[in-house]
Amino acid sequence: MALATLTPPAPLASGGAAIPLPLVLAHRAVLALDLGTTTGWALRARDGGITSGTMTFKPSRFEGSGMRYLRFHHWLGEIAWLARGLERVVFEEVRAHAGTDAGHIYGGFLGLLTAWCEQRAVPYEGVPVGTIKRFATGKGNADKAAMIAAIRARGFAPADDNEADAIALLLWATEGQGGHA
């Protein structure tokens, strides 16, 4: 099959006007994560659009516990591919956990995330929970309902507190409070 050719408009044919360059997208792709078995995520794409949701990494009955981390690793790669590369990752930095299992699971996700970012030279940053809550609600110890309400007031519709936390973290990172985006 032959390639189609277009005749340039008259001004271009004479060399009088330059061909416009492709649109340069003004934003950096930033991924915000609330790490856990149910991980909340929010992505600001290069076009400035924000997409968010939750992803569950609970192993099924017949899987080993390491499967959650394999799925998380694959999911990170998929998100990065769909975003055409990530330029920054921010995550909720949790210092105290409700239980030992939660702490171990968080540590596994955190280790995998930071190694993944290091391997790809993607800058990453942990943000304390109180900083995110204070940014979203004005109160550093706000409860889950207050976080969801604050994010809904900004025009988003989070499905749960994990997604609300990820959106708040993304907004913190991209609206000047968190710097570099």
C-alpha atoms as a PDB file:
ATOM      1  CA  MET A   1       0.000   0.000   0.000  1.00  0.00           C
ATOM      2  CA  ALA A   2       1.397   3.379  -0.959  1.00  0.00           C
ATOM      3  CA  LEU A   3       1.781   6.123   1.592  1.00  0.00           C
ATOM      4  CA  ALA A   4      -0.601   9.023   1.170  1.00  0.00           C
ATOM      5  CA  THR A   5       0.930  12.416   0.638  1.00  0.00           C
ATOM      6  CA  LEU A   6      -0.608  15.753   1.367  1.00  0.00           C
ATOM      7  CA  THR A   7       0.071  18.872  -0.578  1.00  0.00           C
ATOM      8  CA  PRO A   8       1.164  21.569   1.874  1.00  0.00           C
ATOM      9  CA  PRO A   9      -0.881  24.780   1.966  1.00  0.00           C
ATOM     10  CA  ALA A  10       0.361  27.584  -0.249  1.00  0.00           C
ATOM     11  CA  PRO A  11       2.261  29.541   2.489  1.00  0.00           C
ATOM     12  CA  LEU A  12       4.277  26.447   3.378  1.00  0.00           C
ATOM     13  CA  ALA A  13       4.924  25.566  -0.224  1.00  0.00           C
ATOM     14  CA  SER A  14       6.727  28.854  -0.758  1.00  0.00           C
ATOM     15  CA  GLY A  15       8.711  28.471   2.475  1.00  0.00           C
ATOM     16  CA  GLY A  16       7.094  31.512   4.068  1.00  0.00           C
ATOM     17  CA  ALA A  17       5.810  29.926   7.270  1.00  0.00           C
ATOM     18  CA  ALA A  18       7.370  27.379   9.605  1.00  0.00           C
ATOM     19  CA  ILE A  19       5.706  24.079  10.387  1.00  0.00           C
ATOM     20  CA  PRO A  20       4.514  24.179  14.011  1.00  0.00           C
ATOM     21  CA  LEU A  21       6.338  21.854  16.381  1.00  0.00           C
ATOM     22  CA  PRO A  22       4.399  19.094  18.147  1.00  0.00           C
ATOM     23  CA  LEU A  23       2.565  20.123  21.277  1.00  0.00           C
ATOM     24  CA  VAL A  24       4.869  20.018  24.283  1.00  0.00           C
ATOM     25  CA  LEU A  25       3.009  18.812  27.336  1.00  0.00           C
ATOM     26  CA  ALA A  26       3.495  21.205  30.215  1.00  0.00           C
ATOM     27  CA  HIS A  27       3.251  18.805  33.150  1.00  0.00           C
ATOM     28  CA  ARG A  28       5.460  16.139  34.621  1.00  0.00           C
ATOM     29  CA  ALA A  29       3.898  12.736  35.263  1.00  0.00           C
ATOM     30  CA  VAL A  30       3.595  12.308  39.034  1.00  0.00           C
ATOM     31  CA  LEU A  31       2.323   9.188  40.826  1.00  0.00           C
ATOM     32  CA  ALA A  32       1.074   9.383  44.427  1.00  0.00           C
ATOM     33  CA  LEU A  33       0.622   6.195  46.468  1.00  0.00           C
ATOM     34  CA  ASP A  34      -1.017   5.265  49.756  1.00  0.00           C
ATOM     35  CA  LEU A  35       0.765   1.915  50.149  1.00  0.00           C
ATOM     36  CA  GLY A  36      -1.004  -1.120  51.584  1.00  0.00           C
ATOM     37  CA  THR A  37      -2.861  -4.279  50.676  1.00  0.00           C
ATOM     38  CA  THR A  38      -5.442  -1.911  49.201  1.00  0.00           C
ATOM     39  CA  THR A  39      -3.224   0.741  47.664  1.00  0.00           C
ATOM     40  CA  GLY A  40      -4.706   4.129  46.880  1.00  0.00           C
ATOM     41  CA  TRP A  41      -3.177   5.815  43.851  1.00  0.00           C
ATOM     42  CA  ALA A  42      -3.467   9.077  41.954  1.00  0.00           C
ATOM     43  CA  LEU A  43      -1.657  10.000  38.754  1.00  0.00           C
ATOM     44  CA  ARG A  44      -1.238  13.402  37.207  1.00  0.00           C
ATOM     45  CA  ALA A  45      -0.480  12.763  33.555  1.00  0.00           C
ATOM     46  CA  ARG A  46       1.630  14.914  31.285  1.00  0.00           C
ATOM     47  CA  ASP A  47      -1.510  16.613  29.963  1.00  0.00           C
ATOM     48  CA  GLY A  48      -2.428  17.709  33.507  1.00  0.00           C
ATOM     49  CA  GLY A  49      -5.331  15.261  33.860  1.00  0.00           C
ATOM     50  CA  ILE A  50      -5.698  13.402  37.152  1.00  0.00           C
ATOM     51  CA  THR A  51      -6.732   9.765  37.358  1.00  0.00           C
ATOM     52  CA  SER A  52      -7.091   7.891  40.630  1.00  0.00           C
ATOM     53  CA  GLY A  53      -8.322   4.669  42.158  1.00  0.00           C
ATOM     54  CA  THR A  54      -7.451   1.770  44.382  1.00  0.00           C
ATOM     55  CA  MET A  55      -5.681  -1.475  43.631  1.00  0.00           C
ATOM     56  CA  THR A  56      -5.902  -4.545  45.838  1.00  0.00           C
ATOM     57  CA  PHE A  57      -2.818  -6.712  46.222  1.00  0.00           C
ATOM     58  CA  LYS A  58      -4.210  -9.377  48.534  1.00  0.00           C
ATOM     59  CA  PRO A  59      -2.983 -12.860  47.600  1.00  0.00           C
ATOM     60  CA  SER A  60      -5.661 -15.434  46.864  1.00  0.00           C
ATOM     61  CA  ARG A  61      -6.151 -18.506  48.991  1.00  0.00           C
ATOM     62  CA  PHE A  62      -3.754 -20.639  46.947  1.00  0.00           C
ATOM     63  CA  GLU A  63      -0.974 -18.083  46.477  1.00  0.00           C
ATOM     64  CA  GLY A  64       2.059 -17.344  48.600  1.00  0.00           C
ATOM     65  CA  SER A  65       2.294 -13.958  50.281  1.00  0.00           C
ATOM     66  CA  GLY A  66       5.013 -12.883  47.841  1.00  0.00           C
ATOM     67  CA  MET A  67       2.472 -12.739  45.026  1.00  0.00           C
ATOM     68  CA  ARG A  68       1.210  -9.384  46.301  1.00  0.00           C
ATOM     69  CA  TYR A  69       4.658  -7.897  45.673  1.00  0.00           C
ATOM     70  CA  LEU A  70       4.988  -9.453  42.221  1.00  0.00           C
ATOM     71  CA  ARG A  71       1.606  -8.008  41.275  1.00  0.00           C
ATOM     72  CA  PHE A  72       2.591  -4.598  42.707  1.00  0.00           C
ATOM     73  CA  HIS A  73       5.844  -4.630  40.705  1.00  0.00           C
ATOM     74  CA  HIS A  74       3.972  -5.488  37.497  1.00  0.00           C
ATOM     75  CA  TRP A  75       1.334  -2.831  38.217  1.00  0.00           C
ATOM     76  CA  LEU A  76       3.991  -0.123  38.726  1.00  0.00           C
ATOM     77  CA  GLY A  77       5.458  -0.962  35.333  1.00  0.00           C
ATOM     78  CA  GLU A  78       2.031  -0.831  33.730  1.00  0.00           C
ATOM     79  CA  ILE A  79       1.239   2.575  35.280  1.00  0.00           C
ATOM     80  CA  ALA A  80       4.615   3.947  34.153  1.00  0.00           C
ATOM     81  CA  TRP A  81       4.056   2.631  30.631  1.00  0.00           C
ATOM     82  CA  LEU A  82       0.542   4.065  30.395  1.00  0.00           C
ATOM     83  CA  ALA A  83       1.821   7.433  31.683  1.00  0.00           C
ATOM     84  CA  ARG A  84       4.675   7.313  29.133  1.00  0.00           C
ATOM     85  CA  GLY A  85       7.144   7.419  32.001  1.00  0.00           C
ATOM     86  CA  LEU A  86       7.003   8.754  35.536  1.00  0.00           C
ATOM     87  CA  GLU A  87       9.017  11.752  36.582  1.00  0.00           C
ATOM     88  CA  ARG A  88       8.252  11.650  40.302  1.00  0.00           C
ATOM     89  CA  VAL A  89       6.714   9.263  42.823  1.00  0.00           C
ATOM     90  CA  VAL A  90       5.414  10.375  46.205  1.00  0.00           C
ATOM     91  CA  PHE A  91       4.121   8.017  48.855  1.00  0.00           C
ATOM     92  CA  GLU A  92       2.499   8.268  52.253  1.00  0.00           C
ATOM     93  CA  GLU A  93       5.206   7.703  54.846  1.00  0.00           C
ATOM     94  CA  VAL A  94       3.689   5.747  57.720  1.00  0.00           C
ATOM     95  CA  ARG A  95       5.696   5.577  60.954  1.00  0.00           C
ATOM     96  CA  ALA A  96       3.240   3.675  63.160  1.00  0.00           C
ATOM     97  CA  HIS A  97       1.095   0.729  62.095  1.00  0.00           C
ATOM     98  CA  ALA A  98      -2.008  -0.811  63.623  1.00  0.00           C
ATOM     99  CA  GLY A  99      -0.349  -4.228  63.766  1.00  0.00           C
ATOM    100  CA  THR A 100       2.798  -6.174  62.986  1.00  0.00           C
ATOM    101  CA  ASP A 101       1.419  -7.677  59.775  1.00  0.00           C
ATOM    102  CA  ALA A 102       0.439  -4.243  58.455  1.00  0.00           C
ATOM    103  CA  GLY A 103       3.939  -2.948  59.206  1.00  0.00           C
ATOM    104  CA  HIS A 104       5.577  -5.881  57.432  1.00  0.00           C
ATOM    105  CA  ILE A 105       3.338  -5.541  54.379  1.00  0.00           C
ATOM    106  CA  TYR A 106       3.967  -1.782  54.198  1.00  0.00           C
ATOM    107  CA  GLY A 107       7.719  -2.394  54.487  1.00  0.00           C
ATOM    108  CA  GLY A 108       7.576  -4.881  51.608  1.00  0.00           C
ATOM    109  CA  PHE A 109       5.729  -2.423  49.369  1.00  0.00           C
ATOM    110  CA  LEU A 110       8.068   0.407  50.372  1.00  0.00           C
ATOM    111  CA  GLY A 111      11.192  -1.648  49.668  1.00  0.00           C
ATOM    112  CA  LEU A 112       9.897  -2.732  46.290  1.00  0.00           C
ATOM    113  CA  LEU A 113       8.764   0.790  45.364  1.00  0.00           C
ATOM    114  CA  THR A 114      12.065   2.446  46.266  1.00  0.00           C
ATOM    115  CA  ALA A 115      14.091  -0.243  44.474  1.00  0.00           C
ATOM    116  CA  TRP A 116      11.851   0.111  41.406  1.00  0.00           C
ATOM    117  CA  CYS A 117      12.365   3.898  41.413  1.00  0.00           C
ATOM    118  CA  GLU A 118      16.132   3.614  41.938  1.00  0.00           C
ATOM    119  CA  GLN A 119      16.436   1.136  39.073  1.00  0.00           C
ATOM    120  CA  ARG A 120      14.644   3.558  36.724  1.00  0.00           C
ATOM    121  CA  ALA A 121      16.158   6.783  38.118  1.00  0.00           C
ATOM    122  CA  VAL A 122      12.716   8.077  39.124  1.00  0.00           C
ATOM    123  CA  PRO A 123      12.880  10.532  42.066  1.00  0.00           C
ATOM    124  CA  TYR A 124      10.734   9.460  45.018  1.00  0.00           C
ATOM    125  CA  GLU A 125       9.705  11.050  48.291  1.00  0.00           C
ATOM    126  CA  GLY A 126       7.912   9.905  51.413  1.00  0.00           C
ATOM    127  CA  VAL A 127       5.511  12.410  52.946  1.00  0.00           C
ATOM    128  CA  PRO A 128       4.402  12.069  56.596  1.00  0.00           C
ATOM    129  CA  VAL A 129       0.745  11.259  57.182  1.00  0.00           C
ATOM    130  CA  GLY A 130       0.212  14.393  59.302  1.00  0.00           C
ATOM    131  CA  THR A 131       1.544  16.628  56.520  1.00  0.00           C
ATOM    132  CA  ILE A 132      -0.952  15.200  54.032  1.00  0.00           C
ATOM    133  CA  LYS A 133      -3.875  15.490  56.457  1.00  0.00           C
ATOM    134  CA  ARG A 134      -2.941  19.048  57.418  1.00  0.00           C
ATOM    135  CA  PHE A 135      -2.724  20.030  53.738  1.00  0.00           C
ATOM    136  CA  ALA A 136      -6.133  18.518  52.910  1.00  0.00           C
ATOM    137  CA  THR A 137      -8.141  19.401  56.016  1.00  0.00           C
ATOM    138  CA  GLY A 138      -6.141  21.919  58.022  1.00  0.00           C
ATOM    139  CA  LYS A 139      -5.857  19.360  60.813  1.00  0.00           C
ATOM    140  CA  GLY A 140      -2.883  16.986  61.086  1.00  0.00           C
ATOM    141  CA  ASN A 141      -4.854  14.263  62.847  1.00  0.00           C
ATOM    142  CA  ALA A 142      -8.009  14.310  60.687  1.00  0.00           C
ATOM    143  CA  ASP A 143      -9.964  11.064  60.520  1.00  0.00           C
ATOM    144  CA  LYS A 144     -10.828   9.096  57.373  1.00  0.00           C
ATOM    145  CA  ALA A 145     -14.248  10.711  56.955  1.00  0.00           C
ATOM    146  CA  ALA A 146     -12.744  14.212  57.111  1.00  0.00           C
ATOM    147  CA  MET A 147     -10.152  13.297  54.469  1.00  0.00           C
ATOM    148  CA  ILE A 148     -12.807  11.927  52.131  1.00  0.00           C
ATOM    149  CA  ALA A 149     -14.993  15.025  52.669  1.00  0.00           C
ATOM    150  CA  ALA A 150     -12.062  17.372  52.000  1.00  0.00           C
ATOM    151  CA  ILE A 151     -11.200  15.646  48.729  1.00  0.00           C
ATOM    152  CA  ARG A 152     -14.853  15.569  47.648  1.00  0.00           C
ATOM    153  CA  ALA A 153     -15.033  19.314  48.346  1.00  0.00           C
ATOM    154  CA  ARG A 154     -12.244  19.746  45.780  1.00  0.00           C
ATOM    155  CA  GLY A 155     -14.339  18.041  43.095  1.00  0.00           C
ATOM    156  CA  PHE A 156     -13.088  14.452  43.290  1.00  0.00           C
ATOM    157  CA  ALA A 157     -15.104  11.314  44.058  1.00  0.00           C
ATOM    158  CA  PRO A 158     -12.833   8.942  45.982  1.00  0.00           C
ATOM    159  CA  ALA A 159     -14.170   5.430  46.524  1.00  0.00           C
ATOM    160  CA  ASP A 160     -12.530   5.143  49.947  1.00  0.00           C
ATOM    161  CA  ASP A 161      -9.984   6.691  52.302  1.00  0.00           C
ATOM    162  CA  ASN A 162      -7.041   5.100  50.448  1.00  0.00           C
ATOM    163  CA  GLU A 163      -7.952   6.867  47.214  1.00  0.00           C
ATOM    164  CA  ALA A 164      -8.700  10.110  49.090  1.00  0.00           C
ATOM    165  CA  ASP A 165      -5.270  10.002  50.748  1.00  0.00           C
ATOM    166  CA  ALA A 166      -3.559   9.406  47.387  1.00  0.00           C
ATOM    167  CA  ILE A 167      -5.410  12.326  45.762  1.00  0.00           C
ATOM    168  CA  ALA A 168      -4.534  14.615  48.696  1.00  0.00           C
ATOM    169  CA  LEU A 169      -0.901  13.551  48.424  1.00  0.00           C
ATOM    170  CA  LEU A 170      -0.869  14.202  44.673  1.00  0.00           C
ATOM    171  CA  LEU A 171      -2.372  17.657  45.161  1.00  0.00           C
ATOM    172  CA  TRP A 172       0.192  18.398  47.891  1.00  0.00           C
ATOM    173  CA  ALA A 173       3.004  17.346  45.534  1.00  0.00           C
ATOM    174  CA  THR A 174       1.752  19.244  42.484  1.00  0.00           C
ATOM    175  CA  GLU A 175       0.285  22.460  43.912  1.00  0.00           C
ATOM    176  CA  GLY A 176       3.499  23.914  45.200  1.00  0.00           C
ATOM    177  CA  GLN A 177       3.272  22.644  48.770  1.00  0.00           C
ATOM    178  CA  GLY A 178       5.474  19.686  47.938  1.00  0.00           C
ATOM    179  CA  GLY A 179       7.767  21.487  45.604  1.00  0.00           C
ATOM    180  CA  HIS A 180       9.070  20.182  42.349  1.00  0.00           C
ATOM    181  CA  ALA A 181       6.129  19.297  40.102  1.00  0.00           C
END
